[in-house]
Amino acid sequence: MILSYSWEELLTLKPFPEPKWLLEGLIPGGGWTLLLGPGKVGKSLFGAQLAHALSTGQDFFGCQNQTGPLRVVYVQADTPG
C-alpha cells in the first residue's frame, strides 16, 4: 500500500502513520534508500549485503526482514573525484 498526501494534508497528520518496514527499524518500504558517506568506509559492501538479505528474505544485522524475499535492483554509482 502506498500512501499519498497533499502538502496541506501532510501538515495535519498527527501522528504520522507507522511506515511499512522492509527491515524493521532500518529500511522503510516504498521509495529510495541512499547510502552516503566518505570513501572507503564500506558503503558498497554494506549495500551488497543489504541487497542480498532483501533478495533472500534473510534478517540483516539483527533487523528482522518484514517482507520475505524481494526482487532487488542494486545500483552503485560513484561520483567523480
PDB file of N, CA and C in Angstrom:
ATOM      1  N   MET A   1       0.838  -1.167   0.000  1.00  0.00           N
ATOM      2  CA  MET A   1       0.000   0.000   0.000  1.00  0.00           C
ATOM      3  C   MET A   1       0.889   1.237   0.000  1.00  0.00           C
ATOM      4  N   ILE A   2       0.609   2.162  -0.886  1.00  0.00           N
ATOM      5  CA  ILE A   2       1.350   3.414  -0.964  1.00  0.00           C
ATOM      6  C   ILE A   2       0.428   4.533  -0.515  1.00  0.00           C
ATOM      7  N   LEU A   3       0.900   5.341   0.424  1.00  0.00           N
ATOM      8  CA  LEU A   3       0.128   6.481   0.901  1.00  0.00           C
ATOM      9  C   LEU A   3       0.548   7.726   0.158  1.00  0.00           C
ATOM     10  N   SER A   4      -0.424   8.541  -0.220  1.00  0.00           N
ATOM     11  CA  SER A   4      -0.126   9.777  -0.928  1.00  0.00           C
ATOM     12  C   SER A   4      -0.920  10.901  -0.281  1.00  0.00           C
ATOM     13  N   TYR A   5      -0.246  12.011   0.027  1.00  0.00           N
ATOM     14  CA  TYR A   5      -0.877  13.139   0.690  1.00  0.00           C
ATOM     15  C   TYR A   5      -0.501  14.430  -0.009  1.00  0.00           C
ATOM     16  N   SER A   6      -1.434  15.392   0.006  1.00  0.00           N
ATOM     17  CA  SER A   6      -1.077  16.747  -0.416  1.00  0.00           C
ATOM     18  C   SER A   6      -0.260  17.385   0.697  1.00  0.00           C
ATOM     19  N   TRP A   7       0.404  18.505   0.390  1.00  0.00           N
ATOM     20  CA  TRP A   7       1.197  19.205   1.398  1.00  0.00           C
ATOM     21  C   TRP A   7       0.320  19.619   2.580  1.00  0.00           C
ATOM     22  N   GLU A   8      -0.874  20.120   2.300  1.00  0.00           N
ATOM     23  CA  GLU A   8      -1.790  20.546   3.360  1.00  0.00           C
ATOM     24  C   GLU A   8      -2.211  19.367   4.239  1.00  0.00           C
ATOM     25  N   GLU A   9      -2.520  18.222   3.612  1.00  0.00           N
ATOM     26  CA  GLU A   9      -2.889  17.028   4.376  1.00  0.00           C
ATOM     27  C   GLU A   9      -1.719  16.528   5.215  1.00  0.00           C
ATOM     28  N   LEU A  10      -0.525  16.572   4.654  1.00  0.00           N
ATOM     29  CA  LEU A  10       0.661  16.103   5.364  1.00  0.00           C
ATOM     30  C   LEU A  10       0.887  16.913   6.636  1.00  0.00           C
ATOM     31  N   LEU A  11       0.671  18.218   6.564  1.00  0.00           N
ATOM     32  CA  LEU A  11       0.877  19.082   7.729  1.00  0.00           C
ATOM     33  C   LEU A  11      -0.126  18.817   8.846  1.00  0.00           C
ATOM     34  N   THR A  12      -1.284  18.229   8.518  1.00  0.00           N
ATOM     35  CA  THR A  12      -2.304  17.976   9.536  1.00  0.00           C
ATOM     36  C   THR A  12      -2.207  16.580  10.145  1.00  0.00           C
ATOM     37  N   LEU A  13      -1.345  15.730   9.625  1.00  0.00           N
ATOM     38  CA  LEU A  13      -1.223  14.369  10.149  1.00  0.00           C
ATOM     39  C   LEU A  13      -0.535  14.378  11.506  1.00  0.00           C
ATOM     40  N   LYS A  14      -1.182  13.805  12.493  1.00  0.00           N
ATOM     41  CA  LYS A  14      -0.594  13.678  13.830  1.00  0.00           C
ATOM     42  C   LYS A  14      -1.167  12.432  14.457  1.00  0.00           C
ATOM     43  N   PRO A  15      -0.400  11.506  14.846  1.00  0.00           N
ATOM     44  CA  PRO A  15       0.996  11.313  14.456  1.00  0.00           C
ATOM     45  C   PRO A  15       1.083  10.769  13.044  1.00  0.00           C
ATOM     46  N   PHE A  16       2.274  10.800  12.497  1.00  0.00           N
ATOM     47  CA  PHE A  16       2.476  10.214  11.169  1.00  0.00           C
ATOM     48  C   PHE A  16       2.217   8.720  11.240  1.00  0.00           C
ATOM     49  N   PRO A  17       1.665   8.134  10.172  1.00  0.00           N
ATOM     50  CA  PRO A  17       1.452   6.685  10.186  1.00  0.00           C
ATOM     51  C   PRO A  17       2.776   5.937  10.272  1.00  0.00           C
ATOM     52  N   GLU A  18       2.763   4.832  10.972  1.00  0.00           N
ATOM     53  CA  GLU A  18       3.965   3.992  11.083  1.00  0.00           C
ATOM     54  C   GLU A  18       4.304   3.448   9.696  1.00  0.00           C
ATOM     55  N   PRO A  19       5.554   3.583   9.256  1.00  0.00           N
ATOM     56  CA  PRO A  19       5.891   3.071   7.926  1.00  0.00           C
ATOM     57  C   PRO A  19       5.857   1.554   7.882  1.00  0.00           C
ATOM     58  N   LYS A  20       5.631   1.019   6.698  1.00  0.00           N
ATOM     59  CA  LYS A  20       5.787  -0.413   6.485  1.00  0.00           C
ATOM     60  C   LYS A  20       7.281  -0.638   6.280  1.00  0.00           C
ATOM     61  N   TRP A  21       7.857  -1.509   7.070  1.00  0.00           N
ATOM     62  CA  TRP A  21       9.301  -1.716   7.044  1.00  0.00           C
ATOM     63  C   TRP A  21       9.682  -2.873   6.135  1.00  0.00           C
ATOM     64  N   LEU A  22      10.777  -2.708   5.400  1.00  0.00           N
ATOM     65  CA  LEU A  22      11.417  -3.841   4.737  1.00  0.00           C
ATOM     66  C   LEU A  22      12.272  -4.574   5.748  1.00  0.00           C
ATOM     67  N   LEU A  23      13.084  -3.806   6.465  1.00  0.00           N
ATOM     68  CA  LEU A  23      13.878  -4.334   7.570  1.00  0.00           C
ATOM     69  C   LEU A  23      13.526  -3.497   8.792  1.00  0.00           C
ATOM     70  N   GLU A  24      12.959  -4.133   9.793  1.00  0.00           N
ATOM     71  CA  GLU A  24      12.431  -3.475  10.985  1.00  0.00           C
ATOM     72  C   GLU A  24      13.380  -2.416  11.542  1.00  0.00           C
ATOM     73  N   GLY A  25      12.935  -1.156  11.532  1.00  0.00           N
ATOM     74  CA  GLY A  25      13.687  -0.059  12.115  1.00  0.00           C
ATOM     75  C   GLY A  25      14.880   0.433  11.320  1.00  0.00           C
ATOM     76  N   LEU A  26      15.128  -0.157  10.142  1.00  0.00           N
ATOM     77  CA  LEU A  26      16.308   0.226   9.365  1.00  0.00           C
ATOM     78  C   LEU A  26      15.940   0.760   7.986  1.00  0.00           C
ATOM     79  N   ILE A  27      15.178  -0.004   7.216  1.00  0.00           N
ATOM     80  CA  ILE A  27      14.842   0.371   5.841  1.00  0.00           C
ATOM     81  C   ILE A  27      13.327   0.372   5.684  1.00  0.00           C
ATOM     82  N   PRO A  28      12.716   1.569   5.513  1.00  0.00           N
ATOM     83  CA  PRO A  28      11.270   1.606   5.292  1.00  0.00           C
ATOM     84  C   PRO A  28      10.935   1.134   3.880  1.00  0.00           C
ATOM     85  N   GLY A  29       9.732   0.636   3.709  1.00  0.00           N
ATOM     86  CA  GLY A  29       9.283   0.190   2.396  1.00  0.00           C
ATOM     87  C   GLY A  29       8.861   1.362   1.528  1.00  0.00           C
ATOM     88  N   GLY A  30       8.920   1.174   0.235  1.00  0.00           N
ATOM     89  CA  GLY A  30       8.499   2.208  -0.700  1.00  0.00           C
ATOM     90  C   GLY A  30       9.515   3.327  -0.806  1.00  0.00           C
ATOM     91  N   GLY A  31       9.884   3.697  -1.995  1.00  0.00           N
ATOM     92  CA  GLY A  31      10.809   4.803  -2.185  1.00  0.00           C
ATOM     93  C   GLY A  31      12.233   4.334  -2.407  1.00  0.00           C
ATOM     94  N   TRP A  32      13.151   5.260  -2.197  1.00  0.00           N
ATOM     95  CA  TRP A  32      14.565   5.020  -2.435  1.00  0.00           C
ATOM     96  C   TRP A  32      15.315   5.022  -1.125  1.00  0.00           C
ATOM     97  N   THR A  33      16.398   4.284  -1.084  1.00  0.00           N
ATOM     98  CA  THR A  33      17.306   4.318   0.058  1.00  0.00           C
ATOM     99  C   THR A  33      18.691   4.638  -0.470  1.00  0.00           C
ATOM    100  N   LEU A  34      19.289   5.704   0.040  1.00  0.00           N
ATOM    101  CA  LEU A  34      20.628   6.106  -0.365  1.00  0.00           C
ATOM    102  C   LEU A  34      21.602   5.856   0.768  1.00  0.00           C
ATOM    103  N   LEU A  35      22.763   5.328   0.438  1.00  0.00           N
ATOM    104  CA  LEU A  35      23.849   5.187   1.405  1.00  0.00           C
ATOM    105  C   LEU A  35      24.894   6.238   1.059  1.00  0.00           C
ATOM    106  N   LEU A  36      25.093   7.179   1.951  1.00  0.00           N
ATOM    107  CA  LEU A  36      26.022   8.267   1.703  1.00  0.00           C
ATOM    108  C   LEU A  36      27.087   8.288   2.782  1.00  0.00           C
ATOM    109  N   GLY A  37      28.293   8.620   2.404  1.00  0.00           N
ATOM    110  CA  GLY A  37      29.373   8.728   3.368  1.00  0.00           C
ATOM    111  C   GLY A  37      30.701   8.886   2.666  1.00  0.00           C
ATOM    112  N   PRO A  38      31.745   9.131   3.439  1.00  0.00           N
ATOM    113  CA  PRO A  38      33.067   9.285   2.840  1.00  0.00           C
ATOM    114  C   PRO A  38      33.533   7.987   2.180  1.00  0.00           C
ATOM    115  N   GLY A  39      34.536   8.130   1.322  1.00  0.00           N
ATOM    116  CA  GLY A  39      35.075   6.971   0.621  1.00  0.00           C
ATOM    117  C   GLY A  39      35.749   5.976   1.555  1.00  0.00           C
ATOM    118  N   LYS A  40      35.703   4.730   1.126  1.00  0.00           N
ATOM    119  CA  LYS A  40      36.433   3.635   1.797  1.00  0.00           C
ATOM    120  C   LYS A  40      35.933   3.325   3.203  1.00  0.00           C
ATOM    121  N   VAL A  41      34.622   3.546   3.459  1.00  0.00           N
ATOM    122  CA  VAL A  41      34.092   3.209   4.784  1.00  0.00           C
ATOM    123  C   VAL A  41      33.202   1.964   4.749  1.00  0.00           C
ATOM    124  N   GLY A  42      32.983   1.379   3.548  1.00  0.00           N
ATOM    125  CA  GLY A  42      32.231   0.135   3.457  1.00  0.00           C
ATOM    126  C   GLY A  42      30.814   0.261   2.925  1.00  0.00           C
ATOM    127  N   LYS A  43      30.494   1.387   2.284  1.00  0.00           N
ATOM    128  CA  LYS A  43      29.139   1.565   1.746  1.00  0.00           C
ATOM    129  C   LYS A  43      28.787   0.509   0.700  1.00  0.00           C
ATOM    130  N   SER A  44      29.724   0.215  -0.197  1.00  0.00           N
ATOM    131  CA  SER A  44      29.449  -0.755  -1.262  1.00  0.00           C
ATOM    132  C   SER A  44      29.215  -2.147  -0.688  1.00  0.00           C
ATOM    133  N   LEU A  45      30.043  -2.559   0.230  1.00  0.00           N
ATOM    134  CA  LEU A  45      29.872  -3.872   0.859  1.00  0.00           C
ATOM    135  C   LEU A  45      28.561  -3.919   1.645  1.00  0.00           C
ATOM    136  N   PHE A  46      28.268  -2.863   2.404  1.00  0.00           N
ATOM    137  CA  PHE A  46      27.013  -2.789   3.147  1.00  0.00           C
ATOM    138  C   PHE A  46      25.826  -2.899   2.193  1.00  0.00           C
ATOM    139  N   GLY A  47      25.866  -2.145   1.089  1.00  0.00           N
ATOM    140  CA  GLY A  47      24.770  -2.170   0.115  1.00  0.00           C
ATOM    141  C   GLY A  47      24.592  -3.533  -0.526  1.00  0.00           C
ATOM    142  N   ALA A  48      25.683  -4.180  -0.876  1.00  0.00           N
ATOM    143  CA  ALA A  48      25.602  -5.514  -1.478  1.00  0.00           C
ATOM    144  C   ALA A  48      25.038  -6.528  -0.488  1.00  0.00           C
ATOM    145  N   GLN A  49      25.472  -6.451   0.762  1.00  0.00           N
ATOM    146  CA  GLN A  49      24.947  -7.361   1.782  1.00  0.00           C
ATOM    147  C   GLN A  49      23.473  -7.079   2.070  1.00  0.00           C
ATOM    148  N   LEU A  50      23.095  -5.810   2.068  1.00  0.00           N
ATOM    149  CA  LEU A  50      21.698  -5.439   2.261  1.00  0.00           C
ATOM    150  C   LEU A  50      20.834  -5.979   1.121  1.00  0.00           C
ATOM    151  N   ALA A  51      21.296  -5.802  -0.119  1.00  0.00           N
ATOM    152  CA  ALA A  51      20.556  -6.314  -1.275  1.00  0.00           C
ATOM    153  C   ALA A  51      20.406  -7.835  -1.193  1.00  0.00           C
ATOM    154  N   HIS A  52      21.451  -8.513  -0.767  1.00  0.00           N
ATOM    155  CA  HIS A  52      21.391  -9.970  -0.626  1.00  0.00           C
ATOM    156  C   HIS A  52      20.357 -10.369   0.429  1.00  0.00           C
ATOM    157  N   ALA A  53      20.363  -9.696   1.563  1.00  0.00           N
ATOM    158  CA  ALA A  53      19.401 -10.025   2.630  1.00  0.00           C
ATOM    159  C   ALA A  53      17.971  -9.811   2.157  1.00  0.00           C
ATOM    160  N   LEU A  54      17.716  -8.708   1.465  1.00  0.00           N
ATOM    161  CA  LEU A  54      16.356  -8.443   0.987  1.00  0.00           C
ATOM    162  C   LEU A  54      15.937  -9.432  -0.092  1.00  0.00           C
ATOM    163  N   SER A  55      16.869  -9.811  -0.961  1.00  0.00           N
ATOM    164  CA  SER A  55      16.517 -10.717  -2.057  1.00  0.00           C
ATOM    165  C   SER A  55      16.343 -12.165  -1.602  1.00  0.00           C
ATOM    166  N   THR A  56      16.910 -12.514  -0.453  1.00  0.00           N
ATOM    167  CA  THR A  56      16.788 -13.888   0.049  1.00  0.00           C
ATOM    168  C   THR A  56      15.802 -14.014   1.211  1.00  0.00           C
ATOM    169  N   GLY A  57      15.337 -12.867   1.718  1.00  0.00           N
ATOM    170  CA  GLY A  57      14.403 -12.901   2.842  1.00  0.00           C
ATOM    171  C   GLY A  57      15.077 -13.066   4.192  1.00  0.00           C
ATOM    172  N   GLN A  58      16.386 -12.897   4.241  1.00  0.00           N
ATOM    173  CA  GLN A  58      17.118 -13.069   5.498  1.00  0.00           C
ATOM    174  C   GLN A  58      17.079 -11.786   6.328  1.00  0.00           C
ATOM    175  N   ASP A  59      17.262 -11.944   7.637  1.00  0.00           N
ATOM    176  CA  ASP A  59      17.427 -10.790   8.515  1.00  0.00           C
ATOM    177  C   ASP A  59      18.784 -10.155   8.222  1.00  0.00           C
ATOM    178  N   PHE A  60      18.956  -8.903   8.655  1.00  0.00           N
ATOM    179  CA  PHE A  60      20.170  -8.157   8.335  1.00  0.00           C
ATOM    180  C   PHE A  60      20.670  -7.442   9.575  1.00  0.00           C
ATOM    181  N   PHE A  61      21.811  -7.872  10.082  1.00  0.00           N
ATOM    182  CA  PHE A  61      22.432  -7.275  11.266  1.00  0.00           C
ATOM    183  C   PHE A  61      21.422  -7.085  12.396  1.00  0.00           C
ATOM    184  N   GLY A  62      20.632  -8.100  12.660  1.00  0.00           N
ATOM    185  CA  GLY A  62      19.680  -8.060  13.764  1.00  0.00           C
ATOM    186  C   GLY A  62      18.359  -7.387  13.451  1.00  0.00           C
ATOM    187  N   CYS A  63      18.207  -6.835  12.245  1.00  0.00           N
ATOM    188  CA  CYS A  63      16.932  -6.220  11.848  1.00  0.00           C
ATOM    189  C   CYS A  63      16.095  -7.274  11.140  1.00  0.00           C
ATOM    190  N   GLN A  64      14.885  -7.485  11.633  1.00  0.00           N
ATOM    191  CA  GLN A  64      14.037  -8.546  11.104  1.00  0.00           C
ATOM    192  C   GLN A  64      13.521  -8.180   9.713  1.00  0.00           C
ATOM    193  N   ASN A  65      13.652  -9.115   8.782  1.00  0.00           N
ATOM    194  CA  ASN A  65      13.109  -8.938   7.437  1.00  0.00           C
ATOM    195  C   ASN A  65      11.594  -9.049   7.527  1.00  0.00           C
ATOM    196  N   GLN A  66      10.890  -8.001   7.117  1.00  0.00           N
ATOM    197  CA  GLN A  66       9.437  -7.934   7.257  1.00  0.00           C
ATOM    198  C   GLN A  66       8.675  -8.384   6.018  1.00  0.00           C
ATOM    199  N   THR A  67       9.374  -8.694   4.928  1.00  0.00           N
ATOM    200  CA  THR A  67       8.681  -8.928   3.665  1.00  0.00           C
ATOM    201  C   THR A  67       8.930 -10.283   3.044  1.00  0.00           C
ATOM    202  N   GLY A  68       9.957 -10.977   3.475  1.00  0.00           N
ATOM    203  CA  GLY A  68      10.348 -12.193   2.764  1.00  0.00           C
ATOM    204  C   GLY A  68      11.182 -11.818   1.562  1.00  0.00           C
ATOM    205  N   PRO A  69      11.490 -12.767   0.689  1.00  0.00           N
ATOM    206  CA  PRO A  69      12.328 -12.471  -0.475  1.00  0.00           C
ATOM    207  C   PRO A  69      11.687 -11.430  -1.397  1.00  0.00           C
ATOM    208  N   LEU A  70      12.505 -10.518  -1.884  1.00  0.00           N
ATOM    209  CA  LEU A  70      12.061  -9.475  -2.805  1.00  0.00           C
ATOM    210  C   LEU A  70      12.926  -9.475  -4.054  1.00  0.00           C
ATOM    211  N   ARG A  71      12.396  -8.914  -5.124  1.00  0.00           N
ATOM    212  CA  ARG A  71      13.235  -8.628  -6.285  1.00  0.00           C
ATOM    213  C   ARG A  71      13.957  -7.326  -5.978  1.00  0.00           C
ATOM    214  N   VAL A  72      15.255  -7.325  -6.125  1.00  0.00           N
ATOM    215  CA  VAL A  72      16.086  -6.191  -5.717  1.00  0.00           C
ATOM    216  C   VAL A  72      16.934  -5.733  -6.891  1.00  0.00           C
ATOM    217  N   VAL A  73      17.029  -4.424  -7.066  1.00  0.00           N
ATOM    218  CA  VAL A  73      17.965  -3.835  -8.018  1.00  0.00           C
ATOM    219  C   VAL A  73      18.989  -3.075  -7.194  1.00  0.00           C
ATOM    220  N   TYR A  74      20.251  -3.450  -7.339  1.00  0.00           N
ATOM    221  CA  TYR A  74      21.344  -2.787  -6.619  1.00  0.00           C
ATOM    222  C   TYR A  74      22.121  -1.965  -7.636  1.00  0.00           C
ATOM    223  N   VAL A  75      22.164  -0.659  -7.439  1.00  0.00           N
ATOM    224  CA  VAL A  75      22.880   0.231  -8.338  1.00  0.00           C
ATOM    225  C   VAL A  75      23.971   0.922  -7.550  1.00  0.00           C
ATOM    226  N   GLN A  76      25.188   0.808  -8.024  1.00  0.00           N
ATOM    227  CA  GLN A  76      26.295   1.528  -7.395  1.00  0.00           C
ATOM    228  C   GLN A  76      26.756   2.590  -8.372  1.00  0.00           C
ATOM    229  N   ALA A  77      26.779   3.838  -7.905  1.00  0.00           N
ATOM    230  CA  ALA A  77      27.225   4.947  -8.726  1.00  0.00           C
ATOM    231  C   ALA A  77      28.189   5.792  -7.932  1.00  0.00           C
ATOM    232  N   ASP A  78      29.384   5.953  -8.423  1.00  0.00           N
ATOM    233  CA  ASP A  78      30.388   6.775  -7.761  1.00  0.00           C
ATOM    234  C   ASP A  78      30.437   8.139  -8.429  1.00  0.00           C
ATOM    235  N   THR A  79      30.691   9.153  -7.620  1.00  0.00           N
ATOM    236  CA  THR A  79      30.861  10.492  -8.190  1.00  0.00           C
ATOM    237  C   THR A  79      32.324  10.686  -8.552  1.00  0.00           C
ATOM    238  N   PRO A  80      32.582  11.496  -9.577  1.00  0.00           N
ATOM    239  CA  PRO A  80      33.978  11.735  -9.935  1.00  0.00           C
ATOM    240  C   PRO A  80      34.711  12.450  -8.786  1.00  0.00           C
ATOM    241  N   GLY A  81      35.947  12.150  -8.664  1.00  0.00           N
ATOM    242  CA  GLY A  81      36.684  12.888  -7.658  1.00  0.00           C
ATOM    243  C   GLY A  81      37.693  12.067  -7.056  1.00  0.00           C
TER     244      GLY A  81
END
